N, C-alpha and C. Protein backbone atom coordinates (compact mmCIF):
# COMPACT_ATOMS: atom_id res chain seq x y z
N MET A 1 114.08 170.25 111.54
CA MET A 1 114.09 168.97 111.75
C MET A 1 112.88 168.33 111.10
N PRO A 2 113.15 166.93 110.32
CA PRO A 2 111.91 166.62 109.73
C PRO A 2 110.68 166.22 110.66
N SER A 3 109.60 166.06 109.85
CA SER A 3 108.37 166.03 110.76
C SER A 3 108.46 164.39 111.29
N GLU A 4 108.97 163.52 110.74
CA GLU A 4 109.04 162.14 111.44
C GLU A 4 109.87 162.13 112.77
N THR A 5 111.31 162.66 112.69
CA THR A 5 111.96 163.03 113.71
C THR A 5 111.37 163.66 114.69
N ARG A 6 110.76 164.99 114.19
CA ARG A 6 110.06 165.76 115.37
C ARG A 6 109.03 164.97 116.06
N SER A 7 108.25 164.19 115.30
CA SER A 7 107.00 163.37 115.85
C SER A 7 107.59 162.29 116.88
N ASN A 8 108.51 161.72 116.63
CA ASN A 8 109.36 160.76 117.36
C ASN A 8 109.71 161.54 118.99
N ALA A 9 110.46 162.45 118.35
CA ALA A 9 110.99 163.34 119.67
C ALA A 9 109.88 163.87 120.49
N ILE A 10 108.67 164.15 119.88
CA ILE A 10 107.56 164.63 120.90
C ILE A 10 106.98 163.63 121.37
N GLY A 11 106.94 162.40 121.12
CA GLY A 11 106.16 161.41 121.66
C GLY A 11 104.71 161.17 121.80
N SER A 12 104.30 161.39 122.76
CA SER A 12 102.55 161.18 122.45
C SER A 12 102.16 162.16 123.07
N ASP A 13 102.59 163.40 123.02
CA ASP A 13 101.91 164.59 123.44
C ASP A 13 101.37 165.40 122.29
N PRO A 14 99.87 165.14 122.40
CA PRO A 14 98.96 165.56 121.22
C PRO A 14 99.00 166.85 120.82
N VAL A 15 99.26 167.74 122.08
CA VAL A 15 99.31 169.11 121.65
C VAL A 15 100.48 169.47 120.70
N ALA A 16 101.65 169.04 121.13
CA ALA A 16 102.89 169.00 120.56
C ALA A 16 102.83 168.48 119.22
N GLN A 17 102.26 167.36 118.89
CA GLN A 17 102.18 166.54 117.57
C GLN A 17 101.13 167.71 116.70
N ARG A 18 99.91 168.24 117.34
CA ARG A 18 99.36 169.13 116.48
C ARG A 18 100.08 170.32 116.12
N GLN A 19 100.79 170.85 117.02
CA GLN A 19 101.81 171.92 116.61
C GLN A 19 102.65 171.61 115.38
N ALA A 20 103.33 170.39 115.64
CA ALA A 20 104.21 170.16 114.60
C ALA A 20 103.53 169.81 113.22
N GLU A 21 102.38 169.23 113.24
CA GLU A 21 101.54 169.20 112.03
C GLU A 21 101.32 170.53 111.51
N HIS A 22 100.84 171.44 112.15
CA HIS A 22 100.50 172.95 111.70
C HIS A 22 101.78 173.43 111.14
N THR A 23 102.97 173.35 111.87
CA THR A 23 104.19 173.93 111.51
C THR A 23 104.68 173.40 110.02
N ASP A 24 104.62 171.93 110.01
CA ASP A 24 104.57 171.55 108.34
C ASP A 24 103.63 172.14 107.47
N GLU A 25 102.55 172.28 107.73
CA GLU A 25 101.44 172.87 106.85
C GLU A 25 101.75 174.03 106.62
N ILE A 26 102.11 174.92 107.51
CA ILE A 26 102.55 176.26 107.56
C ILE A 26 103.75 176.30 106.46
N ASN A 27 104.78 175.51 106.57
CA ASN A 27 105.96 175.64 105.78
C ASN A 27 105.23 175.17 104.18
N THR A 28 104.79 174.26 104.01
CA THR A 28 104.11 173.82 102.99
C THR A 28 103.59 175.17 102.15
N LEU A 29 102.72 175.78 102.69
CA LEU A 29 101.93 176.77 102.18
C LEU A 29 102.78 178.11 102.19
N GLN A 30 103.76 178.28 102.93
CA GLN A 30 104.79 179.45 102.56
C GLN A 30 105.59 179.06 101.40
N THR A 31 106.10 177.64 101.23
CA THR A 31 106.50 177.22 99.99
C THR A 31 105.71 177.56 98.75
N GLN A 32 104.60 177.04 98.86
CA GLN A 32 103.41 177.44 97.67
C GLN A 32 103.43 178.88 97.24
N LEU A 33 103.18 179.69 98.52
CA LEU A 33 103.09 181.02 98.03
C LEU A 33 104.18 181.63 97.49
N ASP A 34 105.48 181.21 98.17
CA ASP A 34 106.90 181.89 97.25
C ASP A 34 106.79 181.39 95.91
N THR A 35 106.40 180.09 95.41
CA THR A 35 106.59 179.75 94.18
C THR A 35 105.46 180.47 93.50
N THR A 36 104.15 180.78 93.96
CA THR A 36 103.04 181.57 93.16
C THR A 36 103.85 183.05 92.97
N ARG A 37 104.48 183.58 93.71
CA ARG A 37 104.92 184.88 93.83
C ARG A 37 106.04 185.01 92.86
N GLN A 38 106.75 184.19 92.72
CA GLN A 38 107.68 183.86 91.58
C GLN A 38 107.37 183.89 90.19
N ALA A 39 106.24 183.04 90.21
CA ALA A 39 105.53 182.82 88.96
C ALA A 39 104.94 184.33 88.38
N ILE A 40 104.29 184.74 89.41
CA ILE A 40 103.79 186.21 89.17
C ILE A 40 104.66 187.08 88.51
N ASP A 41 105.71 187.20 89.47
CA ASP A 41 106.88 188.02 89.09
C ASP A 41 107.24 187.90 87.65
N GLU A 42 107.50 186.60 87.23
CA GLU A 42 107.94 186.47 85.93
C GLU A 42 107.01 186.74 84.80
N ARG A 43 105.83 186.31 85.03
CA ARG A 43 104.49 186.82 84.21
C ARG A 43 104.58 188.23 83.86
N ARG A 44 104.85 188.89 84.94
CA ARG A 44 104.57 190.32 84.86
C ARG A 44 105.71 190.96 84.04
N SER A 45 106.97 190.42 84.39
CA SER A 45 108.20 190.80 83.45
C SER A 45 107.98 190.44 81.94
N ARG A 46 107.56 189.34 81.64
CA ARG A 46 107.18 189.14 80.27
C ARG A 46 106.15 189.84 79.77
N LEU A 47 105.12 190.10 80.40
CA LEU A 47 104.11 191.29 80.16
C LEU A 47 104.67 192.70 79.72
N GLU A 48 105.62 193.02 80.73
CA GLU A 48 106.27 194.14 80.51
C GLU A 48 107.00 194.28 79.19
N GLU A 49 107.79 193.23 78.75
CA GLU A 49 108.60 193.18 78.07
C GLU A 49 107.85 193.15 76.39
N ARG A 50 106.63 192.35 76.66
CA ARG A 50 105.52 192.50 75.35
C ARG A 50 104.97 193.76 75.35
N ARG A 51 104.81 194.49 76.24
CA ARG A 51 104.02 195.98 76.17
C ARG A 51 105.15 196.84 75.57
N VAL A 52 106.25 196.69 75.98
CA VAL A 52 107.48 197.47 75.32
C VAL A 52 107.48 197.00 73.71
N LEU A 53 107.45 196.33 73.64
CA LEU A 53 107.62 195.68 72.01
C LEU A 53 106.67 196.01 71.40
N VAL A 54 105.46 196.18 71.77
CA VAL A 54 104.06 196.70 70.95
C VAL A 54 104.55 198.09 71.01
N HIS A 55 104.68 198.88 71.81
CA HIS A 55 105.07 200.18 71.65
C HIS A 55 105.98 200.54 70.53
N ARG A 56 106.98 200.05 70.91
CA ARG A 56 108.24 200.17 70.06
C ARG A 56 107.94 199.81 68.39
N THR A 57 106.90 198.61 68.26
CA THR A 57 106.43 198.35 66.95
C THR A 57 105.56 199.20 66.11
N ARG A 58 104.81 199.73 67.10
CA ARG A 58 103.80 200.81 66.55
C ARG A 58 104.39 202.13 66.20
N ILE A 59 105.19 202.44 67.16
CA ILE A 59 105.91 204.02 66.89
C ILE A 59 106.88 203.81 66.02
N GLY A 60 107.65 202.72 65.76
CA GLY A 60 108.71 202.48 64.60
C GLY A 60 107.96 202.44 63.46
N TYR A 61 106.86 201.74 63.31
CA TYR A 61 106.02 201.66 62.14
C TYR A 61 105.66 203.07 61.49
N ARG A 62 105.12 203.84 62.57
CA ARG A 62 104.62 205.35 62.13
C ARG A 62 105.72 205.95 61.81
N HIS A 63 107.02 205.92 62.24
CA HIS A 63 108.25 206.75 61.85
C HIS A 63 109.08 206.12 60.80
N GLY A 64 108.66 204.86 60.43
CA GLY A 64 109.47 204.31 59.36
C GLY A 64 110.99 203.73 60.02
N ILE A 65 110.77 203.23 61.12
CA ILE A 65 112.23 202.82 61.84
C ILE A 65 111.96 201.53 62.27
N PRO A 66 112.62 200.28 62.10
CA PRO A 66 112.66 199.29 62.63
C PRO A 66 112.46 199.18 64.10
N ALA A 67 111.64 198.37 64.86
CA ALA A 67 111.61 198.50 66.13
C ALA A 67 112.68 197.98 66.78
N HIS A 68 113.37 197.24 66.29
CA HIS A 68 114.67 196.84 67.15
C HIS A 68 115.80 197.88 67.18
N LEU A 69 115.52 198.81 66.70
CA LEU A 69 116.52 199.99 66.59
C LEU A 69 116.16 200.94 67.98
N LEU A 70 114.67 201.01 68.12
CA LEU A 70 114.30 201.82 68.99
C LEU A 70 114.59 201.33 70.56
N ARG A 71 114.94 202.72 71.41
CA ARG A 71 115.24 202.59 72.72
C ARG A 71 114.09 203.14 73.55
N GLY A 72 114.13 202.92 75.00
CA GLY A 72 113.18 203.45 75.82
C GLY A 72 111.87 202.45 76.37
N THR A 73 111.35 202.66 77.28
CA THR A 73 110.31 201.70 77.84
C THR A 73 109.06 202.26 77.71
N GLN A 74 108.91 203.70 77.85
CA GLN A 74 107.72 204.33 77.72
C GLN A 74 107.29 204.86 76.44
N PRO A 75 105.92 204.96 76.08
CA PRO A 75 105.85 205.53 74.52
C PRO A 75 106.53 207.02 74.15
N ASP A 76 106.46 207.83 75.27
CA ASP A 76 107.00 209.07 74.65
C ASP A 76 108.35 208.92 74.71
N GLU A 77 109.13 208.25 75.42
CA GLU A 77 110.64 207.88 75.12
C GLU A 77 110.81 207.38 73.86
N ILE A 78 110.18 206.32 73.60
CA ILE A 78 110.40 205.52 72.41
C ILE A 78 110.31 206.56 70.98
N ASP A 79 109.09 207.21 71.29
CA ASP A 79 108.68 208.43 70.13
C ASP A 79 109.77 209.45 69.86
N GLN A 80 110.15 209.86 71.04
CA GLN A 80 111.49 210.87 70.99
C GLN A 80 112.62 210.30 70.50
N TYR A 81 112.84 209.07 70.62
CA TYR A 81 114.02 208.41 70.09
C TYR A 81 113.74 208.16 68.77
N ALA A 82 112.52 207.68 68.18
CA ALA A 82 112.20 207.46 66.79
C ALA A 82 112.47 208.75 66.00
N LYS A 83 111.98 209.95 66.47
CA LYS A 83 112.22 211.14 66.05
C LYS A 83 113.70 211.56 65.68
N GLN A 84 114.45 211.28 66.72
CA GLN A 84 115.83 211.44 66.60
C GLN A 84 116.57 210.66 65.43
N LEU A 85 116.16 209.41 65.36
CA LEU A 85 116.72 208.57 64.33
C LEU A 85 116.18 208.93 63.03
N ARG A 86 114.69 209.12 62.82
CA ARG A 86 114.47 209.89 61.76
C ARG A 86 115.01 210.80 61.27
N GLN A 87 115.54 212.00 62.04
CA GLN A 87 116.13 213.19 61.62
C GLN A 87 117.65 212.63 61.39
N TRP A 88 118.20 211.67 62.13
CA TRP A 88 119.61 211.33 61.41
C TRP A 88 119.49 210.55 60.34
N LYS A 89 118.50 209.78 60.07
CA LYS A 89 118.55 209.03 58.73
C LYS A 89 118.07 210.15 57.51
N GLY A 90 117.43 211.14 57.85
CA GLY A 90 117.31 212.11 56.81
C GLY A 90 116.30 212.04 55.90
């Protein structure tokens, strides 16, 4: 129920009006919290993608393999894959 309708339905009961105001404030804060959490999750995801790209670039450079050909998310996985590609490349 929108706050105006709720206020009209409550009438002149000051306790009920304060409760309605607090409920609206809580709902607003919950929305802000959800938005902030979503933004944090998106930033963490982008940071993780960058971290993996840095590892692939460094390891690929060391093995002479382009980063876009490498797979894995952890440095040891990426390194192992680079070694396999290097052996295949000859």
